[in-house]
Amino acid sequence: VQLQASGGGLVQPGGSLTLSCASTTTTLDYYAVGWFREAPGKGREGLSCISSADGSTSYADSVKGRFTISRAYGENTVDLQMNSLTPEDTAVYYCATDLTVSCNNYLRGFFGPGTLVTVSS
């Protein structure tokens, strides 16, 4: 399973970015896919996940109302739209899947290289 997160970059506080998760080896439409991030000294933080069973989504409290996860069926990608970014959102962002239809254990699943998001003025 090879996943690739992309779309990171430098953005000013209050700005927006859209991250994308793609795979050339796995049909993401079949599985739950989630996003997590790692910041220096803060460990892994699960952010959001979208189920393939019923399309339900979940969000961490820290990003609820600011981030939106969506699936581009047919394009084999899962996007994370991030709005109202703050310096506290600075981290390396990863997408992951444990090859099941639910979001229960995606943090223990497969993930690939992350993409760096830096929020700074």
N, C-alpha and C. Protein backbone atom coordinates (compact mmCIF):
# COMPACT_ATOMS: atom_id res chain seq x y z
N VAL A 1 0.85 -1.18 0.00
CA VAL A 1 0.00 0.00 0.00
C VAL A 1 0.89 1.24 0.00
N GLN A 2 0.71 2.06 -1.00
CA GLN A 2 1.51 3.29 -1.09
C GLN A 2 0.57 4.47 -1.16
N LEU A 3 0.72 5.34 -0.19
CA LEU A 3 -0.07 6.56 -0.14
C LEU A 3 0.85 7.75 -0.27
N GLN A 4 0.36 8.80 -0.88
CA GLN A 4 1.14 10.01 -1.04
C GLN A 4 0.29 11.21 -0.71
N ALA A 5 0.72 11.95 0.29
CA ALA A 5 0.05 13.19 0.65
C ALA A 5 0.74 14.34 -0.06
N SER A 6 -0.03 15.28 -0.55
CA SER A 6 0.54 16.43 -1.24
C SER A 6 -0.31 17.67 -0.96
N GLY A 7 0.22 18.82 -1.36
CA GLY A 7 -0.52 20.06 -1.24
C GLY A 7 -0.07 20.97 -0.12
N GLY A 8 0.92 20.56 0.64
CA GLY A 8 1.40 21.39 1.72
C GLY A 8 2.16 22.60 1.21
N GLY A 9 2.49 23.47 2.14
CA GLY A 9 3.23 24.66 1.78
C GLY A 9 3.20 25.69 2.88
N LEU A 10 3.62 26.87 2.54
CA LEU A 10 3.63 27.99 3.49
C LEU A 10 2.37 28.82 3.29
N VAL A 11 1.67 29.07 4.37
CA VAL A 11 0.45 29.87 4.30
C VAL A 11 0.40 30.81 5.49
N GLN A 12 -0.20 31.96 5.29
CA GLN A 12 -0.31 32.93 6.38
C GLN A 12 -1.44 32.54 7.33
N PRO A 13 -1.34 32.96 8.56
CA PRO A 13 -2.45 32.71 9.50
C PRO A 13 -3.77 33.20 8.93
N GLY A 14 -4.78 32.39 9.10
CA GLY A 14 -6.08 32.71 8.53
C GLY A 14 -6.29 32.20 7.13
N GLY A 15 -5.23 31.70 6.54
CA GLY A 15 -5.31 31.22 5.16
C GLY A 15 -5.84 29.80 5.06
N SER A 16 -5.85 29.31 3.83
CA SER A 16 -6.40 27.98 3.54
C SER A 16 -5.44 27.17 2.67
N LEU A 17 -5.55 25.88 2.80
CA LEU A 17 -4.82 24.93 1.96
C LEU A 17 -5.70 23.71 1.76
N THR A 18 -5.50 23.06 0.64
CA THR A 18 -6.15 21.77 0.41
C THR A 18 -5.10 20.71 0.19
N LEU A 19 -5.11 19.72 1.05
CA LEU A 19 -4.21 18.58 0.91
C LEU A 19 -4.91 17.47 0.15
N SER A 20 -4.12 16.69 -0.55
CA SER A 20 -4.68 15.59 -1.31
C SER A 20 -3.92 14.31 -1.01
N CYS A 21 -4.66 13.22 -0.90
CA CYS A 21 -4.08 11.89 -0.68
C CYS A 21 -4.37 11.04 -1.90
N ALA A 22 -3.34 10.45 -2.45
CA ALA A 22 -3.51 9.63 -3.64
C ALA A 22 -2.74 8.32 -3.48
N SER A 23 -3.11 7.36 -4.29
CA SER A 23 -2.41 6.09 -4.29
C SER A 23 -2.40 5.51 -5.70
N THR A 24 -1.27 4.97 -6.08
CA THR A 24 -1.17 4.30 -7.37
C THR A 24 -1.29 2.79 -7.23
N THR A 25 -1.39 2.32 -5.98
CA THR A 25 -1.42 0.88 -5.74
C THR A 25 -2.73 0.40 -5.14
N THR A 26 -3.52 1.33 -4.61
CA THR A 26 -4.71 0.95 -3.84
C THR A 26 -5.90 1.79 -4.27
N THR A 27 -7.03 1.17 -4.41
CA THR A 27 -8.25 1.89 -4.74
C THR A 27 -8.83 2.47 -3.46
N LEU A 28 -8.57 3.74 -3.26
CA LEU A 28 -8.97 4.38 -2.00
C LEU A 28 -10.48 4.41 -1.81
N ASP A 29 -11.22 4.39 -2.91
CA ASP A 29 -12.68 4.42 -2.81
C ASP A 29 -13.22 3.27 -1.97
N TYR A 30 -12.50 2.19 -1.87
CA TYR A 30 -12.98 1.00 -1.17
C TYR A 30 -12.78 1.07 0.34
N TYR A 31 -11.94 2.00 0.81
CA TYR A 31 -11.51 1.95 2.20
C TYR A 31 -11.70 3.29 2.91
N ALA A 32 -11.76 3.21 4.21
CA ALA A 32 -11.72 4.42 5.02
C ALA A 32 -10.32 5.03 4.91
N VAL A 33 -10.28 6.34 4.80
CA VAL A 33 -9.01 7.06 4.72
C VAL A 33 -9.04 8.21 5.71
N GLY A 34 -7.96 8.34 6.42
CA GLY A 34 -7.89 9.41 7.41
C GLY A 34 -6.64 10.25 7.25
N TRP A 35 -6.64 11.36 7.96
CA TRP A 35 -5.49 12.26 7.99
C TRP A 35 -5.02 12.42 9.43
N PHE A 36 -3.72 12.47 9.60
CA PHE A 36 -3.15 12.79 10.89
C PHE A 36 -1.95 13.71 10.67
N ARG A 37 -1.47 14.30 11.74
CA ARG A 37 -0.32 15.18 11.62
C ARG A 37 0.65 14.94 12.76
N GLU A 38 1.86 15.33 12.51
CA GLU A 38 2.91 15.25 13.52
C GLU A 38 3.67 16.56 13.54
N ALA A 39 3.70 17.15 14.70
CA ALA A 39 4.46 18.39 14.90
C ALA A 39 5.58 18.10 15.88
N PRO A 40 6.68 18.81 15.78
CA PRO A 40 7.79 18.58 16.70
C PRO A 40 7.36 18.67 18.15
N GLY A 41 7.66 17.65 18.89
CA GLY A 41 7.34 17.66 20.31
C GLY A 41 5.89 17.42 20.66
N LYS A 42 5.04 17.15 19.66
CA LYS A 42 3.61 16.99 19.95
C LYS A 42 3.08 15.61 19.65
N GLY A 43 3.84 14.75 19.02
CA GLY A 43 3.35 13.42 18.73
C GLY A 43 2.33 13.39 17.62
N ARG A 44 1.74 12.24 17.40
CA ARG A 44 0.77 12.04 16.32
C ARG A 44 -0.62 12.45 16.78
N GLU A 45 -1.27 13.23 15.93
CA GLU A 45 -2.63 13.68 16.22
C GLU A 45 -3.56 13.30 15.08
N GLY A 46 -4.51 12.44 15.35
CA GLY A 46 -5.52 12.11 14.37
C GLY A 46 -6.43 13.30 14.13
N LEU A 47 -6.71 13.60 12.86
CA LEU A 47 -7.47 14.80 12.52
C LEU A 47 -8.86 14.50 11.98
N SER A 48 -8.92 13.63 11.01
CA SER A 48 -10.19 13.42 10.33
C SER A 48 -10.15 12.10 9.58
N CYS A 49 -11.32 11.56 9.36
CA CYS A 49 -11.41 10.30 8.63
C CYS A 49 -12.74 10.24 7.89
N ILE A 50 -12.73 9.56 6.75
CA ILE A 50 -13.96 9.35 6.01
C ILE A 50 -14.13 7.85 5.76
N SER A 51 -15.28 7.36 6.13
CA SER A 51 -15.58 5.95 5.98
C SER A 51 -15.97 5.63 4.54
N SER A 52 -15.70 4.41 4.11
CA SER A 52 -16.18 3.98 2.80
C SER A 52 -17.47 3.19 2.92
N ALA A 53 -17.84 2.85 4.13
CA ALA A 53 -19.06 2.08 4.35
C ALA A 53 -20.30 2.94 4.11
N ASP A 54 -20.27 4.15 4.69
CA ASP A 54 -21.44 5.01 4.58
C ASP A 54 -21.10 6.46 4.31
N GLY A 55 -19.80 6.73 4.07
CA GLY A 55 -19.39 8.10 3.78
C GLY A 55 -19.35 9.01 4.98
N SER A 56 -19.55 8.44 6.16
CA SER A 56 -19.53 9.28 7.35
C SER A 56 -18.13 9.83 7.60
N THR A 57 -18.10 10.98 8.23
CA THR A 57 -16.83 11.64 8.51
C THR A 57 -16.69 11.92 10.00
N SER A 58 -15.47 12.07 10.44
CA SER A 58 -15.20 12.41 11.83
C SER A 58 -14.05 13.40 11.88
N TYR A 59 -14.05 14.22 12.93
CA TYR A 59 -13.04 15.25 13.06
C TYR A 59 -12.59 15.37 14.51
N ALA A 60 -11.32 15.68 14.67
CA ALA A 60 -10.82 16.01 15.99
C ALA A 60 -11.37 17.38 16.40
N ASP A 61 -11.51 17.57 17.68
CA ASP A 61 -12.04 18.85 18.17
C ASP A 61 -11.18 20.03 17.72
N SER A 62 -9.89 19.77 17.59
CA SER A 62 -8.97 20.86 17.24
C SER A 62 -9.17 21.38 15.83
N VAL A 63 -9.83 20.61 14.97
CA VAL A 63 -10.01 21.04 13.58
C VAL A 63 -11.47 21.10 13.17
N LYS A 64 -12.36 20.69 14.04
CA LYS A 64 -13.78 20.66 13.71
C LYS A 64 -14.26 22.06 13.36
N GLY A 65 -14.95 22.17 12.25
CA GLY A 65 -15.44 23.46 11.80
C GLY A 65 -14.46 24.21 10.91
N ARG A 66 -13.23 23.75 10.88
CA ARG A 66 -12.21 24.41 10.04
C ARG A 66 -11.73 23.51 8.90
N PHE A 67 -11.68 22.22 9.15
CA PHE A 67 -11.20 21.26 8.16
C PHE A 67 -12.38 20.45 7.63
N THR A 68 -12.30 20.10 6.35
CA THR A 68 -13.31 19.27 5.73
C THR A 68 -12.65 18.18 4.90
N ILE A 69 -13.03 16.94 5.17
CA ILE A 69 -12.50 15.81 4.42
C ILE A 69 -13.51 15.42 3.35
N SER A 70 -13.00 15.05 2.19
CA SER A 70 -13.91 14.65 1.11
C SER A 70 -13.21 13.64 0.21
N ARG A 71 -14.04 12.89 -0.48
CA ARG A 71 -13.52 11.84 -1.34
C ARG A 71 -13.89 12.16 -2.78
N ALA A 72 -12.92 12.10 -3.66
CA ALA A 72 -13.17 12.32 -5.10
C ALA A 72 -13.28 10.95 -5.75
N TYR A 73 -14.51 10.45 -5.77
CA TYR A 73 -14.75 9.13 -6.37
C TYR A 73 -14.34 9.13 -7.83
N GLY A 74 -13.66 8.09 -8.21
CA GLY A 74 -13.21 7.98 -9.59
C GLY A 74 -11.84 8.58 -9.81
N GLU A 75 -11.43 9.48 -8.95
CA GLU A 75 -10.10 10.07 -9.05
C GLU A 75 -9.13 9.44 -8.07
N ASN A 76 -9.67 8.58 -7.21
CA ASN A 76 -8.84 7.86 -6.25
C ASN A 76 -8.06 8.80 -5.34
N THR A 77 -8.71 9.82 -4.89
CA THR A 77 -8.07 10.76 -3.96
C THR A 77 -9.02 11.08 -2.81
N VAL A 78 -8.41 11.47 -1.71
CA VAL A 78 -9.15 11.97 -0.56
C VAL A 78 -8.51 13.30 -0.17
N ASP A 79 -9.30 14.34 -0.15
CA ASP A 79 -8.79 15.68 0.11
C ASP A 79 -9.11 16.14 1.53
N LEU A 80 -8.28 17.03 2.01
CA LEU A 80 -8.52 17.67 3.29
C LEU A 80 -8.44 19.18 3.07
N GLN A 81 -9.60 19.82 3.08
CA GLN A 81 -9.67 21.26 2.94
C GLN A 81 -9.45 21.88 4.32
N MET A 82 -8.46 22.76 4.41
CA MET A 82 -8.11 23.36 5.70
C MET A 82 -8.29 24.87 5.62
N ASN A 83 -9.13 25.40 6.47
CA ASN A 83 -9.41 26.83 6.51
C ASN A 83 -9.02 27.40 7.86
N SER A 84 -8.94 28.71 7.92
CA SER A 84 -8.65 29.42 9.17
C SER A 84 -7.43 28.85 9.88
N LEU A 85 -6.39 28.66 9.12
CA LEU A 85 -5.19 28.03 9.67
C LEU A 85 -4.49 28.95 10.67
N THR A 86 -3.91 28.35 11.68
CA THR A 86 -3.16 29.07 12.70
C THR A 86 -1.76 28.46 12.79
N PRO A 87 -0.84 29.17 13.41
CA PRO A 87 0.52 28.60 13.58
C PRO A 87 0.51 27.25 14.28
N GLU A 88 -0.49 26.99 15.09
CA GLU A 88 -0.59 25.71 15.79
C GLU A 88 -0.89 24.56 14.83
N ASP A 89 -1.28 24.86 13.61
CA ASP A 89 -1.53 23.83 12.62
C ASP A 89 -0.26 23.43 11.86
N THR A 90 0.83 24.08 12.15
CA THR A 90 2.10 23.75 11.50
C THR A 90 2.52 22.33 11.88
N ALA A 91 2.72 21.50 10.88
CA ALA A 91 3.05 20.10 11.11
C ALA A 91 3.28 19.41 9.77
N VAL A 92 3.73 18.18 9.85
CA VAL A 92 3.75 17.32 8.67
C VAL A 92 2.45 16.53 8.68
N TYR A 93 1.75 16.56 7.57
CA TYR A 93 0.43 15.92 7.45
C TYR A 93 0.55 14.64 6.63
N TYR A 94 -0.13 13.61 7.11
CA TYR A 94 -0.10 12.30 6.47
C TYR A 94 -1.52 11.79 6.25
N CYS A 95 -1.70 10.99 5.22
CA CYS A 95 -2.95 10.26 5.08
C CYS A 95 -2.67 8.78 5.32
N ALA A 96 -3.70 8.09 5.77
CA ALA A 96 -3.50 6.70 6.17
C ALA A 96 -4.77 5.88 5.95
N THR A 97 -4.57 4.59 5.80
CA THR A 97 -5.69 3.67 5.74
C THR A 97 -5.26 2.32 6.30
N ASP A 98 -6.19 1.63 6.98
CA ASP A 98 -5.88 0.28 7.44
C ASP A 98 -6.61 -0.74 6.58
N LEU A 99 -7.07 -0.32 5.43
CA LEU A 99 -7.72 -1.20 4.45
C LEU A 99 -8.99 -1.84 5.00
N THR A 100 -9.70 -1.07 5.82
CA THR A 100 -11.03 -1.48 6.23
C THR A 100 -12.00 -0.36 5.85
N VAL A 101 -13.27 -0.61 6.02
CA VAL A 101 -14.26 0.40 5.60
C VAL A 101 -14.59 1.39 6.71
N SER A 102 -14.13 1.11 7.93
CA SER A 102 -14.44 2.01 9.03
C SER A 102 -13.20 2.78 9.47
N CYS A 103 -13.45 3.83 10.24
CA CYS A 103 -12.36 4.71 10.67
C CYS A 103 -11.78 4.34 12.03
N ASN A 104 -12.13 3.19 12.54
CA ASN A 104 -11.75 2.86 13.91
C ASN A 104 -10.24 2.81 14.14
N ASN A 105 -9.50 2.31 13.17
CA ASN A 105 -8.07 2.05 13.41
C ASN A 105 -7.16 2.60 12.32
N TYR A 106 -7.61 3.63 11.63
CA TYR A 106 -6.77 4.10 10.52
C TYR A 106 -5.40 4.58 10.98
N LEU A 107 -5.31 5.07 12.22
CA LEU A 107 -4.03 5.55 12.73
C LEU A 107 -3.00 4.44 12.85
N ARG A 108 -3.45 3.21 12.86
CA ARG A 108 -2.54 2.07 12.94
C ARG A 108 -2.29 1.46 11.57
N GLY A 109 -2.76 2.13 10.54
CA GLY A 109 -2.68 1.57 9.20
C GLY A 109 -1.46 2.01 8.43
N PHE A 110 -1.59 1.94 7.10
CA PHE A 110 -0.50 2.28 6.21
C PHE A 110 -0.51 3.79 5.92
N PHE A 111 0.68 4.33 5.78
CA PHE A 111 0.80 5.71 5.36
C PHE A 111 2.11 5.90 4.63
N GLY A 112 2.21 6.93 3.86
CA GLY A 112 3.42 7.21 3.09
C GLY A 112 4.03 8.52 3.52
N PRO A 113 4.82 9.09 2.66
CA PRO A 113 5.46 10.38 2.97
C PRO A 113 4.40 11.45 3.22
N GLY A 114 4.68 12.28 4.17
CA GLY A 114 3.77 13.36 4.48
C GLY A 114 4.08 14.62 3.70
N THR A 115 3.26 15.62 3.96
CA THR A 115 3.47 16.92 3.32
C THR A 115 3.50 17.99 4.41
N LEU A 116 4.48 18.88 4.31
CA LEU A 116 4.69 19.87 5.37
C LEU A 116 3.78 21.07 5.17
N VAL A 117 3.09 21.44 6.21
CA VAL A 117 2.28 22.64 6.25
C VAL A 117 2.89 23.59 7.27
N THR A 118 3.21 24.76 6.81
CA THR A 118 3.78 25.79 7.69
C THR A 118 2.87 27.00 7.67
N VAL A 119 2.39 27.36 8.85
CA VAL A 119 1.51 28.53 8.97
C VAL A 119 2.30 29.62 9.69
N SER A 120 2.62 30.64 8.94
CA SER A 120 3.46 31.70 9.50
C SER A 120 3.29 32.97 8.70
N SER A 121 3.44 34.09 9.39
CA SER A 121 3.39 35.37 8.70
C SER A 121 4.80 35.83 8.34
